[in-house]
Amino acid sequence: MAMDDLAGSSSSSHMDAVAAASSDPSHGWQKVTYPKRHRKQQAAPPSAAPDLALQANGGHKVNVFEAVDRNAEKRHRALLAARESADPDARIAAATAAYSDDEDSDEAPVARPEGEVKRPKVKKPKKPKVTVAEAAALIDAEDLAAHLVQISESYKNQQDIQLMRFADYFGRALASVSAAQFPWAKMFKESLVSKMVDIPLCHIPEPVRNTVSDWINQRSPDALGDFVMWCLDSIMSELSSPVGAKGTKKAAQQTPRAQVAIFVLLAMTVRRKPEVLTNILPKIMGNNKYLGQEKLPIIVWVIAQASQGDLVTGMFCWAHFLFPTLCAKSSGNPQSRDLVLQLLERILSTLKARGILLNGAVRKGERLIPPVTFDLFMRAAFPVSSARVKATERFEAAYPTIKELALAGPPGSKTVKQAVHHLLPLCVKAMQENNADLTREAADVFIWCLTQNVESYKQWEKLHPENIEASVAVLSNIAAHWSELSPKFSAETLKATLKNLRAKNEVALEAATDSGKQASIKAADKYCKEILGKLSRGATCLKGSLLAIALAVAAGFVLSDNLEIPSDWEKLQAMMSSHLSF
């Protein structure tokens, strides 16, 4: 029964609720309102009156700024109270509370519990600024030597891994040097070659350098070549990093190893084994990855390191790779030309540089200054007047040394013959550039070639028909300086060559239709005849002199009491026949 009563009562209650809901227009739902927002929405907007400051209210003027003044007064009192207390937090809280625009807020401000002390802000300790010299001073040469012995034993037949472990050691030792302490990209860009050549190796202690030098000397050239390429790739990859938000390249800003350690490793390796650089430079200078104005200071710096180890190797790298690649055109980049000349001036200004370079002018069958480089340098030193630039005087100052190195070698030697063979056509081309100074200098070099190798006369004969203007320059020079040059020539060979040139002139003159070409042929023939005449007169004078000498000697024989006639007479006959043969 109880359960029935309970069920009945609940049923009736439910029915009553349903009936009430049906009679209620809101169907039992209640609207949730926010009193604060409701009051703001119900506030009547100000009526559009021409003057907001004056409103009629019972004939009295209403001050619309009364609430603002009241809030300002409240803030002033709060600040005075906070100033009297020494707690700075109280002043801040008072000022903040005073500026609250919500006077009807139901939330009370959260107050700091009494006795609670505000925790002071903990400042992160700044990392100490460590310079390259300070970090390098902490490297222990004995510890380094032990490390090198250990990696050499652990990786006996794996020199590439040895070199990587060697790099890791210096990477850890110099990791504390920040990018700000070694801004190498800016440093190399703004420094002269004479100053940047010792960066950063000047900071490494000498015992450390000596330990590394001895260890590197025992590595194979192939392994060292790969290691040098790895170092260069690491540096170049930083220079090729994406451009930052402000348009500046962040070169090696995140990896101190790439900034300091790799430069140190590269400098020590190339200085100890500079010949490694000559093996890899063909790959470097033929790859755009390593070329560019921003990368040039790195290449110049590396070649400068090689010149510090061996002056001849540094000059070889400059003459065979750097200068021909970057200065092949007279309209090249002035900044690139300046860097290239700075390196040359650095090499030539070294103590006893001339003697050292002349001794190494020919090494392993290769000339220190190849003919192509000499030709480019000669053109840079003797430009037309309208093409002179600021660097021309620097080319002129270095030209005598470059010429001496390019033409060095014993006459008739294999390397000199090779140089002559390549220089003759280059000089012929230079003499036809419509540049008087260049023509004069090229003619001098052409004549030098004739005095060094008799085979050059045959080469001249082959070049003559297509380059008669160049032959005119050479022949006029020989005729003008005959007394000085005649002892250097092979008289018989020169005479035969001149006769052959005259025969070629006759053929060319018959086929020539241009008046200018005909004039050049006639001028060449005129100089050939003039030089042949001098050769004939010289031979006649020589024969007469020798005849007079022979008669004097014969008279001496007759008057001499102690004369071995048969033997001495035979010697005299042999001497006379050799000199009178032409």
Protein backbone atom coordinates (compact mmCIF):
# COMPACT_ATOMS: atom_id res chain seq x y z
CA MET A 1 0.00 0.00 0.00
CA ALA A 2 2.79 2.36 0.89
CA MET A 3 4.40 1.79 -2.45
CA ASP A 4 1.03 2.39 -4.16
CA ASP A 5 0.49 5.63 -2.22
CA LEU A 6 4.00 6.76 -3.12
CA ALA A 7 3.45 5.95 -6.74
CA GLY A 8 0.09 7.68 -6.72
CA SER A 9 1.45 10.80 -5.10
CA SER A 10 4.33 11.02 -7.54
CA SER A 11 1.94 10.49 -10.40
CA SER A 12 -0.34 13.21 -9.26
CA SER A 13 2.57 15.57 -8.71
CA HIS A 14 3.76 14.89 -12.19
CA MET A 15 0.34 15.56 -13.64
CA ASP A 16 0.09 18.83 -11.73
CA ALA A 17 3.49 19.92 -13.06
CA VAL A 18 2.47 19.12 -16.60
CA ALA A 19 -0.75 21.05 -16.20
CA ALA A 20 1.10 24.04 -14.75
CA ALA A 21 3.61 23.99 -17.58
CA SER A 22 0.88 23.90 -20.19
CA SER A 23 -0.81 26.90 -18.60
CA ASP A 24 2.52 28.78 -18.28
CA PRO A 25 3.40 30.66 -21.50
CA SER A 26 7.17 30.09 -20.87
CA HIS A 27 6.50 26.35 -20.53
CA GLY A 28 8.59 26.11 -17.39
CA TRP A 29 11.79 27.65 -18.83
CA GLN A 30 13.56 30.47 -17.01
CA LYS A 31 15.61 33.19 -18.66
CA VAL A 32 19.10 33.68 -17.20
CA THR A 33 20.02 37.34 -17.02
CA TYR A 34 23.07 39.28 -15.97
CA PRO A 35 22.03 42.24 -13.83
CA LYS A 36 25.13 44.27 -14.62
CA ARG A 37 24.80 43.89 -18.39
CA HIS A 38 21.00 44.41 -18.11
CA ARG A 39 21.45 47.72 -16.35
CA LYS A 40 23.91 48.95 -18.98
CA GLN A 41 21.59 47.98 -21.81
CA GLN A 42 18.62 49.67 -20.11
CA ALA A 43 20.50 52.92 -19.64
CA ALA A 44 18.88 55.43 -21.98
CA PRO A 45 21.24 56.82 -24.58
CA PRO A 46 21.84 60.53 -24.38
CA SER A 47 19.47 62.54 -26.48
CA ALA A 48 20.92 64.33 -29.38
CA ALA A 49 21.28 67.86 -28.04
CA PRO A 50 23.34 70.62 -29.50
CA ASP A 51 25.20 71.10 -26.23
CA LEU A 52 25.97 68.13 -24.00
CA ALA A 53 27.35 70.25 -21.23
CA LEU A 54 24.07 72.09 -20.63
CA GLN A 55 20.85 70.19 -19.90
CA ALA A 56 17.74 71.56 -18.22
CA ASN A 57 16.78 69.80 -15.01
CA GLY A 58 14.48 71.83 -12.88
CA GLY A 59 16.12 75.01 -14.08
CA HIS A 60 19.54 73.91 -12.69
CA LYS A 61 22.76 73.25 -14.65
CA VAL A 62 23.92 69.61 -14.46
CA ASN A 63 27.70 68.86 -14.22
CA VAL A 64 28.25 65.96 -16.61
CA PHE A 65 31.87 65.54 -15.37
CA GLU A 66 30.81 64.92 -11.80
CA ALA A 67 31.48 61.15 -12.00
CA VAL A 68 34.90 61.73 -13.57
CA ASP A 69 35.85 64.17 -10.83
CA ARG A 70 34.68 61.73 -8.19
CA ASN A 71 36.84 58.93 -9.63
CA ALA A 72 39.84 61.23 -9.87
CA GLU A 73 39.44 62.19 -6.23
CA LYS A 74 39.24 58.53 -5.24
CA ARG A 75 42.43 57.74 -7.15
CA HIS A 76 44.22 60.65 -5.55
CA ARG A 77 43.32 59.48 -2.05
CA ALA A 78 44.38 55.91 -2.83
CA LEU A 79 47.76 57.05 -4.13
CA LEU A 80 48.37 59.23 -1.07
CA ALA A 81 47.60 56.32 1.21
CA ALA A 82 49.87 54.02 -0.72
CA ARG A 83 52.69 56.58 -0.71
CA GLU A 84 52.56 56.77 3.06
CA SER A 85 53.11 53.01 3.21
CA ALA A 86 56.51 51.75 2.13
CA ASP A 87 55.13 48.72 0.28
CA PRO A 88 55.62 49.21 -3.49
CA ASP A 89 53.03 46.52 -4.21
CA ALA A 90 50.45 48.53 -2.34
CA ARG A 91 51.08 51.53 -4.58
CA ILE A 92 50.69 49.40 -7.68
CA ALA A 93 47.51 47.77 -6.38
CA ALA A 94 46.04 51.13 -5.39
CA ALA A 95 46.77 52.71 -8.72
CA THR A 96 45.36 49.71 -10.56
CA ALA A 97 42.20 49.61 -8.46
CA ALA A 98 41.71 53.34 -8.80
CA TYR A 99 41.66 53.05 -12.60
CA SER A 100 38.95 50.39 -12.60
CA ASP A 101 35.99 51.52 -14.72
CA ASP A 102 33.67 48.91 -13.28
CA GLU A 103 32.22 50.47 -10.16
CA ASP A 104 29.38 47.91 -10.04
CA SER A 105 31.62 44.85 -10.24
CA ASP A 106 30.58 42.13 -7.87
CA GLU A 107 34.10 40.64 -7.75
CA ALA A 108 36.29 41.75 -4.92
CA PRO A 109 40.00 42.39 -5.69
CA VAL A 110 42.29 39.55 -4.76
CA ALA A 111 44.52 40.68 -1.94
CA ARG A 112 47.95 39.20 -1.17
CA PRO A 113 47.83 37.16 2.09
CA GLU A 114 49.51 38.88 4.98
CA GLY A 115 53.07 37.78 5.57
CA GLU A 116 53.57 36.51 2.04
CA VAL A 117 56.74 37.87 0.46
CA LYS A 118 56.79 38.49 -3.28
CA ARG A 119 59.27 36.27 -5.05
CA PRO A 120 61.96 38.28 -6.78
CA LYS A 121 62.45 37.61 -10.48
CA VAL A 122 65.41 35.37 -11.11
CA LYS A 123 67.64 36.78 -13.83
CA LYS A 124 69.26 34.29 -16.12
CA PRO A 125 73.03 34.44 -15.77
CA LYS A 126 74.72 35.85 -18.85
CA LYS A 127 77.19 33.62 -20.58
CA PRO A 128 80.72 34.99 -20.28
CA LYS A 129 82.18 36.36 -23.49
CA VAL A 130 85.12 34.15 -24.45
CA THR A 131 87.55 35.34 -27.11
CA VAL A 132 89.43 33.10 -29.50
CA ALA A 133 92.69 33.80 -27.68
CA GLU A 134 91.20 32.90 -24.30
CA ALA A 135 89.70 29.65 -25.55
CA ALA A 136 92.87 28.71 -27.44
CA ALA A 137 95.02 29.37 -24.37
CA LEU A 138 93.20 26.57 -22.54
CA ILE A 139 94.22 23.94 -25.10
CA ASP A 140 96.84 21.68 -23.56
CA ALA A 141 99.43 20.47 -26.06
CA GLU A 142 100.12 17.29 -24.07
CA ASP A 143 96.45 16.42 -23.84
CA LEU A 144 96.11 17.07 -27.57
CA ALA A 145 99.10 14.85 -28.31
CA ALA A 146 97.59 12.04 -26.21
CA HIS A 147 94.29 12.42 -28.06
CA LEU A 148 96.01 12.23 -31.43
CA VAL A 149 97.91 9.11 -30.39
CA GLN A 150 94.69 7.50 -29.20
CA ILE A 151 92.72 8.15 -32.39
CA SER A 152 95.68 7.08 -34.52
CA GLU A 153 95.76 3.72 -32.74
CA SER A 154 92.00 3.27 -32.62
CA TYR A 155 91.51 3.97 -36.35
CA LYS A 156 94.79 2.83 -37.86
CA ASN A 157 93.57 2.29 -41.39
CA GLN A 158 90.81 4.91 -41.35
CA GLN A 159 92.47 8.28 -41.71
CA ASP A 160 89.21 9.97 -42.62
CA ILE A 161 87.79 9.05 -39.19
CA GLN A 162 91.03 10.15 -37.54
CA LEU A 163 90.69 13.57 -39.11
CA MET A 164 87.05 13.85 -38.01
CA ARG A 165 88.03 13.02 -34.40
CA PHE A 166 90.82 15.56 -34.74
CA ALA A 167 88.22 18.13 -35.81
CA ASP A 168 85.92 17.18 -32.90
CA TYR A 169 88.68 17.93 -30.42
CA PHE A 170 89.12 21.49 -31.62
CA GLY A 171 85.37 21.88 -31.98
CA ARG A 172 84.92 21.16 -28.27
CA ALA A 173 87.94 23.27 -27.28
CA LEU A 174 86.68 26.36 -29.12
CA ALA A 175 82.93 25.85 -28.68
CA SER A 176 82.73 28.61 -26.05
CA VAL A 177 83.66 31.28 -28.62
CA SER A 178 80.47 32.98 -29.72
CA ALA A 179 79.69 34.31 -33.16
CA ALA A 180 80.06 37.88 -31.89
CA GLN A 181 83.64 37.18 -30.86
CA PHE A 182 84.57 35.79 -34.27
CA PRO A 183 82.48 37.48 -37.00
CA TRP A 184 84.55 35.90 -39.75
CA ALA A 185 82.28 36.83 -42.68
CA LYS A 186 82.48 40.53 -41.83
CA MET A 187 86.14 40.25 -40.87
CA PHE A 188 87.21 38.73 -44.18
CA LYS A 189 85.06 41.12 -46.16
CA GLU A 190 86.47 44.27 -44.56
CA SER A 191 90.09 43.27 -43.81
CA LEU A 192 93.13 43.49 -46.04
CA VAL A 193 94.79 40.26 -47.13
CA SER A 194 97.91 41.16 -45.16
CA LYS A 195 95.83 41.30 -41.96
CA MET A 196 93.43 38.40 -42.46
CA VAL A 197 96.17 35.91 -43.42
CA ASP A 198 96.96 35.24 -39.74
CA ILE A 199 93.31 34.98 -38.61
CA PRO A 200 92.62 32.98 -36.46
CA LEU A 201 95.86 30.97 -36.30
CA CYS A 202 97.71 33.78 -34.56
CA HIS A 203 95.74 32.95 -31.38
CA ILE A 204 96.74 29.27 -31.29
CA PRO A 205 99.72 28.54 -28.98
CA GLU A 206 102.88 27.49 -30.77
CA PRO A 207 103.20 24.11 -28.94
CA VAL A 208 99.70 23.23 -30.14
CA ARG A 209 100.55 24.22 -33.72
CA ASN A 210 103.74 22.16 -33.64
CA THR A 211 101.92 19.11 -32.28
CA VAL A 212 99.28 19.34 -34.99
CA SER A 213 101.88 19.97 -37.71
CA ASP A 214 103.80 16.80 -36.85
CA TRP A 215 100.62 14.73 -36.82
CA ILE A 216 99.28 16.14 -40.12
CA ASN A 217 102.61 15.43 -41.80
CA GLN A 218 101.94 11.71 -41.32
CA ARG A 219 98.55 11.71 -43.06
CA SER A 220 98.20 10.78 -46.72
CA PRO A 221 97.65 13.49 -49.38
CA ASP A 222 94.35 11.94 -50.46
CA ALA A 223 92.92 11.93 -46.92
CA LEU A 224 94.09 15.49 -46.34
CA GLY A 225 92.61 16.60 -49.66
CA ASP A 226 89.21 15.22 -48.66
CA PHE A 227 89.54 16.86 -45.26
CA VAL A 228 90.34 20.26 -46.77
CA MET A 229 87.35 19.93 -49.10
CA TRP A 230 85.15 19.09 -46.11
CA CYS A 231 86.33 22.20 -44.28
CA LEU A 232 85.70 24.39 -47.31
CA ASP A 233 82.26 22.88 -47.85
CA SER A 234 81.36 23.60 -44.23
CA ILE A 235 82.34 27.23 -44.60
CA MET A 236 80.70 27.70 -47.99
CA SER A 237 77.46 26.12 -46.81
CA GLU A 238 77.22 28.79 -44.10
CA LEU A 239 77.75 31.53 -46.68
CA SER A 240 75.03 30.00 -48.83
CA SER A 241 72.49 29.87 -45.97
CA PRO A 242 69.02 31.37 -46.60
CA VAL A 243 68.58 35.10 -46.28
CA GLY A 244 67.15 36.28 -42.95
CA ALA A 245 64.07 38.40 -42.35
CA LYS A 246 65.98 41.65 -42.60
CA GLY A 247 67.78 40.66 -45.76
CA THR A 248 71.12 39.84 -44.15
CA LYS A 249 72.73 36.46 -44.33
CA LYS A 250 73.36 34.88 -40.98
CA ALA A 251 76.62 33.23 -41.82
CA ALA A 252 77.71 30.66 -39.28
CA GLN A 253 75.87 32.35 -36.43
CA GLN A 254 74.66 29.14 -34.81
CA THR A 255 77.70 26.90 -35.05
CA PRO A 256 80.87 28.21 -33.39
CA ARG A 257 82.71 25.16 -34.66
CA ALA A 258 82.17 26.34 -38.19
CA GLN A 259 83.42 29.77 -37.23
CA VAL A 260 86.61 29.12 -35.35
CA ALA A 261 87.59 25.47 -35.22
CA ILE A 262 87.21 24.78 -38.94
CA PHE A 263 89.25 27.85 -39.86
CA VAL A 264 91.97 26.77 -37.44
CA LEU A 265 91.99 23.23 -38.82
CA LEU A 266 92.04 24.42 -42.41
CA ALA A 267 94.88 26.88 -41.84
CA MET A 268 97.07 24.36 -39.99
CA THR A 269 96.50 21.68 -42.61
CA VAL A 270 97.19 23.85 -45.66
CA ARG A 271 100.25 25.46 -44.10
CA ARG A 272 101.78 22.08 -43.31
CA LYS A 273 100.79 20.42 -46.58
CA PRO A 274 100.35 23.23 -49.15
CA GLU A 275 100.69 20.82 -52.08
CA VAL A 276 97.30 19.39 -51.09
CA LEU A 277 95.72 22.66 -52.21
CA THR A 278 97.26 22.44 -55.69
CA ASN A 279 95.58 19.04 -56.13
CA ILE A 280 92.07 20.22 -55.23
CA LEU A 281 92.09 23.75 -56.70
CA PRO A 282 91.06 22.55 -60.19
CA LYS A 283 87.86 21.20 -58.60
CA ILE A 284 87.32 24.42 -56.65
CA MET A 285 87.91 26.98 -59.39
CA GLY A 286 85.81 25.02 -61.86
CA ASN A 287 82.76 24.84 -59.60
CA ASN A 288 80.33 27.72 -59.13
CA LYS A 289 79.71 26.45 -55.61
CA TYR A 290 83.01 28.03 -54.57
CA LEU A 291 82.89 31.11 -56.80
CA GLY A 292 81.26 34.46 -56.15
CA GLN A 293 82.20 37.80 -54.68
CA GLU A 294 81.22 36.83 -51.13
CA LYS A 295 83.20 33.55 -51.34
CA LEU A 296 86.33 34.99 -52.94
CA PRO A 297 87.86 36.21 -49.63
CA ILE A 298 87.76 32.60 -48.36
CA ILE A 299 89.58 31.27 -51.45
CA VAL A 300 92.15 34.08 -51.22
CA TRP A 301 92.61 33.35 -47.52
CA VAL A 302 93.22 29.63 -48.20
CA ILE A 303 95.83 30.35 -50.91
CA ALA A 304 97.48 32.82 -48.53
CA GLN A 305 97.76 30.00 -45.98
CA ALA A 306 99.48 27.85 -48.61
CA SER A 307 101.93 30.67 -49.35
CA GLN A 308 102.75 30.86 -45.65
CA GLY A 309 103.74 27.20 -45.77
CA ASP A 310 105.53 27.37 -49.14
CA LEU A 311 105.87 30.59 -51.11
CA VAL A 312 106.30 28.82 -54.45
CA THR A 313 103.14 26.75 -53.95
CA GLY A 314 101.17 29.85 -53.06
CA MET A 315 102.42 31.59 -56.20
CA PHE A 316 101.63 28.49 -58.26
CA CYS A 317 98.03 28.48 -57.02
CA TRP A 318 97.70 32.20 -57.72
CA ALA A 319 99.15 32.01 -61.24
CA HIS A 320 97.51 28.77 -62.42
CA PHE A 321 94.04 29.08 -60.90
CA LEU A 322 93.10 32.32 -59.16
CA PHE A 323 94.35 35.00 -61.57
CA PRO A 324 93.31 33.32 -64.87
CA THR A 325 89.84 32.55 -63.51
CA LEU A 326 89.01 35.99 -62.10
CA CYS A 327 91.06 38.38 -64.25
CA ALA A 328 90.66 36.86 -67.71
CA LYS A 329 88.52 39.86 -68.70
CA SER A 330 89.62 43.46 -68.36
CA SER A 331 86.05 44.38 -67.43
CA GLY A 332 86.06 42.15 -64.35
CA ASN A 333 84.85 43.05 -60.89
CA PRO A 334 87.15 45.74 -59.36
CA GLN A 335 86.75 44.23 -55.88
CA SER A 336 87.80 40.80 -57.12
CA ARG A 337 90.75 42.31 -58.97
CA ASP A 338 91.80 44.17 -55.83
CA LEU A 339 91.78 40.99 -53.72
CA VAL A 340 93.77 39.08 -56.34
CA LEU A 341 96.38 41.85 -56.52
CA GLN A 342 96.56 42.09 -52.74
CA LEU A 343 97.47 38.42 -52.57
CA LEU A 344 100.12 38.82 -55.29
CA GLU A 345 101.62 41.84 -53.52
CA ARG A 346 101.62 39.88 -50.27
CA ILE A 347 103.59 37.04 -51.92
CA LEU A 348 106.08 39.32 -53.71
CA SER A 349 106.71 41.40 -50.57
CA THR A 350 107.86 38.38 -48.59
CA LEU A 351 111.51 38.44 -47.52
CA LYS A 352 113.77 37.04 -50.29
CA ALA A 353 110.70 36.33 -52.41
CA ARG A 354 112.45 36.94 -55.74
CA GLY A 355 115.23 34.43 -55.13
CA ILE A 356 112.85 31.82 -53.74
CA LEU A 357 110.45 32.16 -56.66
CA LEU A 358 113.22 32.10 -59.30
CA ASN A 359 114.56 28.88 -57.80
CA GLY A 360 111.11 27.39 -58.12
CA ALA A 361 110.29 28.94 -61.53
CA VAL A 362 110.10 25.43 -62.95
CA ARG A 363 108.90 22.61 -60.73
CA LYS A 364 108.19 19.06 -61.83
CA GLY A 365 108.11 20.12 -65.47
CA GLU A 366 105.58 22.92 -64.89
CA ARG A 367 106.35 26.62 -65.09
CA LEU A 368 105.47 28.77 -62.11
CA ILE A 369 103.99 31.43 -64.43
CA PRO A 370 102.36 29.69 -67.40
CA PRO A 371 102.29 31.49 -70.80
CA VAL A 372 98.53 32.13 -70.64
CA THR A 373 98.83 33.87 -67.27
CA PHE A 374 101.79 35.92 -68.48
CA ASP A 375 99.83 37.01 -71.56
CA LEU A 376 96.87 38.12 -69.41
CA PHE A 377 99.16 39.99 -67.03
CA MET A 378 101.00 41.70 -69.90
CA ARG A 379 97.71 42.93 -71.34
CA ALA A 380 96.65 44.22 -67.91
CA ALA A 381 99.96 46.07 -67.51
CA PHE A 382 99.85 47.62 -71.00
CA PRO A 383 96.24 48.61 -71.72
CA VAL A 384 95.18 51.30 -74.15
CA SER A 385 95.11 54.73 -72.56
CA SER A 386 91.31 54.83 -72.47
CA ALA A 387 91.16 51.52 -70.58
CA ARG A 388 93.48 52.42 -67.73
CA VAL A 389 92.04 51.90 -64.23
CA LYS A 390 93.28 52.39 -60.69
CA ALA A 391 94.76 48.90 -60.63
CA THR A 392 96.87 49.48 -63.77
CA GLU A 393 99.73 51.00 -61.79
CA ARG A 394 99.77 47.96 -59.53
CA PHE A 395 99.99 45.66 -62.56
CA GLU A 396 102.83 47.78 -63.94
CA ALA A 397 104.74 47.57 -60.66
CA ALA A 398 104.53 43.77 -60.51
CA TYR A 399 105.06 43.14 -64.24
CA PRO A 400 108.91 43.00 -64.26
CA THR A 401 108.90 40.23 -61.65
CA ILE A 402 106.11 38.30 -63.38
CA LYS A 403 107.97 38.59 -66.71
CA GLU A 404 111.22 37.40 -65.16
CA LEU A 405 109.48 34.36 -63.68
CA ALA A 406 107.62 33.61 -66.91
CA LEU A 407 110.80 33.65 -69.01
CA ALA A 408 113.12 32.01 -66.48
CA GLY A 409 115.05 28.88 -67.39
CA PRO A 410 118.23 27.80 -69.19
CA PRO A 411 118.16 28.44 -72.98
CA GLY A 412 117.34 25.36 -75.00
CA SER A 413 115.89 23.45 -72.04
CA LYS A 414 112.69 21.47 -72.45
CA THR A 415 110.58 23.81 -70.32
CA VAL A 416 111.88 26.89 -72.17
CA LYS A 417 111.11 25.29 -75.52
CA GLN A 418 107.57 24.58 -74.35
CA ALA A 419 107.17 28.15 -73.12
CA VAL A 420 108.45 29.54 -76.44
CA HIS A 421 106.08 27.33 -78.40
CA HIS A 422 103.07 28.72 -76.50
CA LEU A 423 104.27 32.32 -76.24
CA LEU A 424 104.90 32.97 -79.94
CA PRO A 425 101.24 32.81 -81.08
CA LEU A 426 100.14 34.77 -78.00
CA CYS A 427 102.64 37.52 -78.80
CA VAL A 428 101.57 37.57 -82.45
CA LYS A 429 97.97 38.14 -81.39
CA ALA A 430 98.93 40.84 -78.88
CA MET A 431 100.93 42.75 -81.52
CA GLN A 432 97.79 43.21 -83.60
CA GLU A 433 95.62 44.79 -80.85
CA ASN A 434 96.18 48.36 -82.14
CA ASN A 435 97.98 49.21 -78.91
CA ALA A 436 101.47 50.67 -79.39
CA ASP A 437 102.76 49.90 -75.89
CA LEU A 438 101.44 46.34 -75.93
CA THR A 439 102.83 45.78 -79.45
CA ARG A 440 106.28 46.96 -78.40
CA GLU A 441 106.33 44.70 -75.34
CA ALA A 442 104.98 41.68 -77.23
CA ALA A 443 107.64 42.18 -79.93
CA ASP A 444 110.36 42.13 -77.27
CA VAL A 445 109.02 38.83 -75.91
CA PHE A 446 108.79 37.42 -79.46
CA ILE A 447 112.44 38.30 -80.10
CA TRP A 448 113.40 36.67 -76.79
CA CYS A 449 111.73 33.48 -78.02
CA LEU A 450 113.88 33.58 -81.18
CA THR A 451 117.06 33.77 -79.10
CA GLN A 452 116.09 30.84 -76.87
CA ASN A 453 115.17 28.15 -79.38
CA VAL A 454 116.20 27.79 -83.03
CA GLU A 455 112.96 25.88 -83.69
CA SER A 456 111.05 29.13 -83.09
CA TYR A 457 112.25 30.44 -86.49
CA LYS A 458 110.31 27.69 -88.28
CA GLN A 459 107.24 28.53 -86.16
CA TRP A 460 107.61 32.18 -87.17
CA GLU A 461 107.62 31.22 -90.84
CA LYS A 462 104.32 29.36 -90.36
CA LEU A 463 102.71 32.28 -88.53
CA HIS A 464 103.94 34.96 -90.96
CA PRO A 465 101.46 34.73 -93.89
CA GLU A 466 98.40 35.29 -91.69
CA ASN A 467 100.06 37.78 -89.34
CA ILE A 468 102.22 40.04 -91.50
CA GLU A 469 101.51 43.09 -89.31
CA ALA A 470 103.05 41.26 -86.35
CA SER A 471 106.11 40.32 -88.44
CA VAL A 472 106.51 43.99 -89.38
CA ALA A 473 106.59 44.91 -85.66
CA VAL A 474 109.24 42.24 -84.96
CA LEU A 475 111.41 43.05 -87.99
CA SER A 476 111.34 46.80 -87.33
CA ASN A 477 112.39 46.16 -83.73
CA ILE A 478 115.28 43.95 -84.84
CA ALA A 479 116.43 46.52 -87.40
CA ALA A 480 116.24 49.38 -84.87
CA HIS A 481 118.23 47.52 -82.20
CA TRP A 482 120.50 45.49 -84.42
CA SER A 483 123.77 46.25 -82.63
CA GLU A 484 122.26 45.09 -79.33
CA LEU A 485 120.40 42.05 -80.64
CA SER A 486 122.71 40.67 -83.32
CA PRO A 487 125.03 38.77 -80.92
CA LYS A 488 121.99 36.88 -79.54
CA PHE A 489 120.82 35.51 -82.89
CA SER A 490 121.95 32.49 -84.79
CA ALA A 491 123.15 34.30 -87.90
CA GLU A 492 122.73 31.41 -90.32
CA THR A 493 119.26 30.51 -89.05
CA LEU A 494 118.12 34.14 -89.13
CA LYS A 495 119.43 34.59 -92.67
CA ALA A 496 117.56 31.50 -93.90
CA THR A 497 114.35 32.61 -92.18
CA LEU A 498 114.51 36.10 -93.68
CA LYS A 499 114.95 34.66 -97.17
CA ASN A 500 111.95 32.41 -96.63
CA LEU A 501 109.89 35.35 -95.39
CA ARG A 502 110.76 37.32 -98.54
CA ALA A 503 109.61 34.44 -100.68
CA LYS A 504 106.31 34.31 -98.77
CA ASN A 505 105.97 38.08 -99.18
CA GLU A 506 106.16 37.79 -102.96
CA VAL A 507 103.41 35.21 -103.00
CA ALA A 508 101.25 37.20 -100.60
CA LEU A 509 101.74 40.43 -102.55
CA GLU A 510 100.50 38.85 -105.75
CA ALA A 511 97.34 37.61 -104.01
CA ALA A 512 96.65 40.76 -101.98
CA THR A 513 94.00 43.17 -103.19
CA ASP A 514 93.67 45.41 -100.16
CA SER A 515 95.95 48.44 -100.16
CA GLY A 516 96.59 48.18 -96.43
CA LYS A 517 97.60 44.54 -96.73
CA GLN A 518 99.91 45.39 -99.63
CA ALA A 519 101.55 48.15 -97.59
CA SER A 520 102.22 45.74 -94.71
CA ILE A 521 103.76 43.16 -97.05
CA LYS A 522 106.03 45.78 -98.63
CA ALA A 523 107.09 47.04 -95.19
CA ALA A 524 107.94 43.49 -94.06
CA ASP A 525 109.96 42.89 -97.23
CA LYS A 526 111.81 46.18 -96.74
CA TYR A 527 112.90 45.24 -93.21
CA CYS A 528 113.92 41.76 -94.35
CA LYS A 529 116.23 43.26 -96.98
CA GLU A 530 117.65 45.73 -94.44
CA ILE A 531 118.48 43.03 -91.89
CA LEU A 532 119.95 40.76 -94.57
CA GLY A 533 122.20 43.62 -95.62
CA LYS A 534 123.41 44.08 -92.06
CA LEU A 535 124.07 40.37 -91.78
CA SER A 536 126.13 40.45 -94.99
CA ARG A 537 128.12 43.52 -93.94
CA GLY A 538 128.73 42.00 -90.56
CA ALA A 539 129.96 38.79 -92.12
CA THR A 540 132.28 40.68 -94.50
CA CYS A 541 133.75 42.73 -91.67
CA LEU A 542 134.22 39.61 -89.62
CA LYS A 543 135.97 37.83 -92.48
CA GLY A 544 138.28 40.79 -93.01
CA SER A 545 139.13 40.94 -89.32
CA LEU A 546 139.83 37.25 -89.19
CA LEU A 547 142.00 37.46 -92.31
CA ALA A 548 144.07 40.21 -90.75
CA ILE A 549 144.45 38.16 -87.60
CA ALA A 550 145.47 35.13 -89.65
CA LEU A 551 148.16 37.10 -91.50
CA ALA A 552 149.52 38.44 -88.23
CA VAL A 553 149.65 34.97 -86.75
CA ALA A 554 151.36 33.62 -89.90
CA ALA A 555 153.98 36.31 -89.67
CA GLY A 556 154.57 35.34 -86.08
CA PHE A 557 155.06 31.77 -87.10
CA VAL A 558 157.73 32.75 -89.61
CA LEU A 559 159.62 34.90 -87.15
CA SER A 560 159.37 32.46 -84.26
CA ASP A 561 162.38 30.25 -83.54
CA ASN A 562 160.58 27.70 -81.35
CA LEU A 563 157.66 26.80 -83.58
CA GLU A 564 155.93 23.48 -83.93
CA ILE A 565 154.74 24.23 -87.47
CA PRO A 566 152.56 21.20 -88.20
CA SER A 567 150.39 21.23 -85.08
CA ASP A 568 149.96 25.02 -84.76
CA TRP A 569 149.28 25.43 -88.48
CA GLU A 570 146.48 22.86 -88.31
CA LYS A 571 144.85 24.70 -85.39
CA LEU A 572 144.99 27.98 -87.31
CA GLN A 573 143.42 26.43 -90.40
CA ALA A 574 140.56 24.96 -88.34
CA MET A 575 139.84 28.32 -86.69
CA MET A 576 139.83 30.20 -89.97
CA SER A 577 137.61 27.72 -91.75
CA SER A 578 135.00 27.81 -88.97
CA HIS A 579 134.70 31.60 -88.98
CA LEU A 580 134.90 32.11 -92.73
CA SER A 581 132.33 29.45 -93.57
CA PHE A 582 129.48 32.01 -93.92
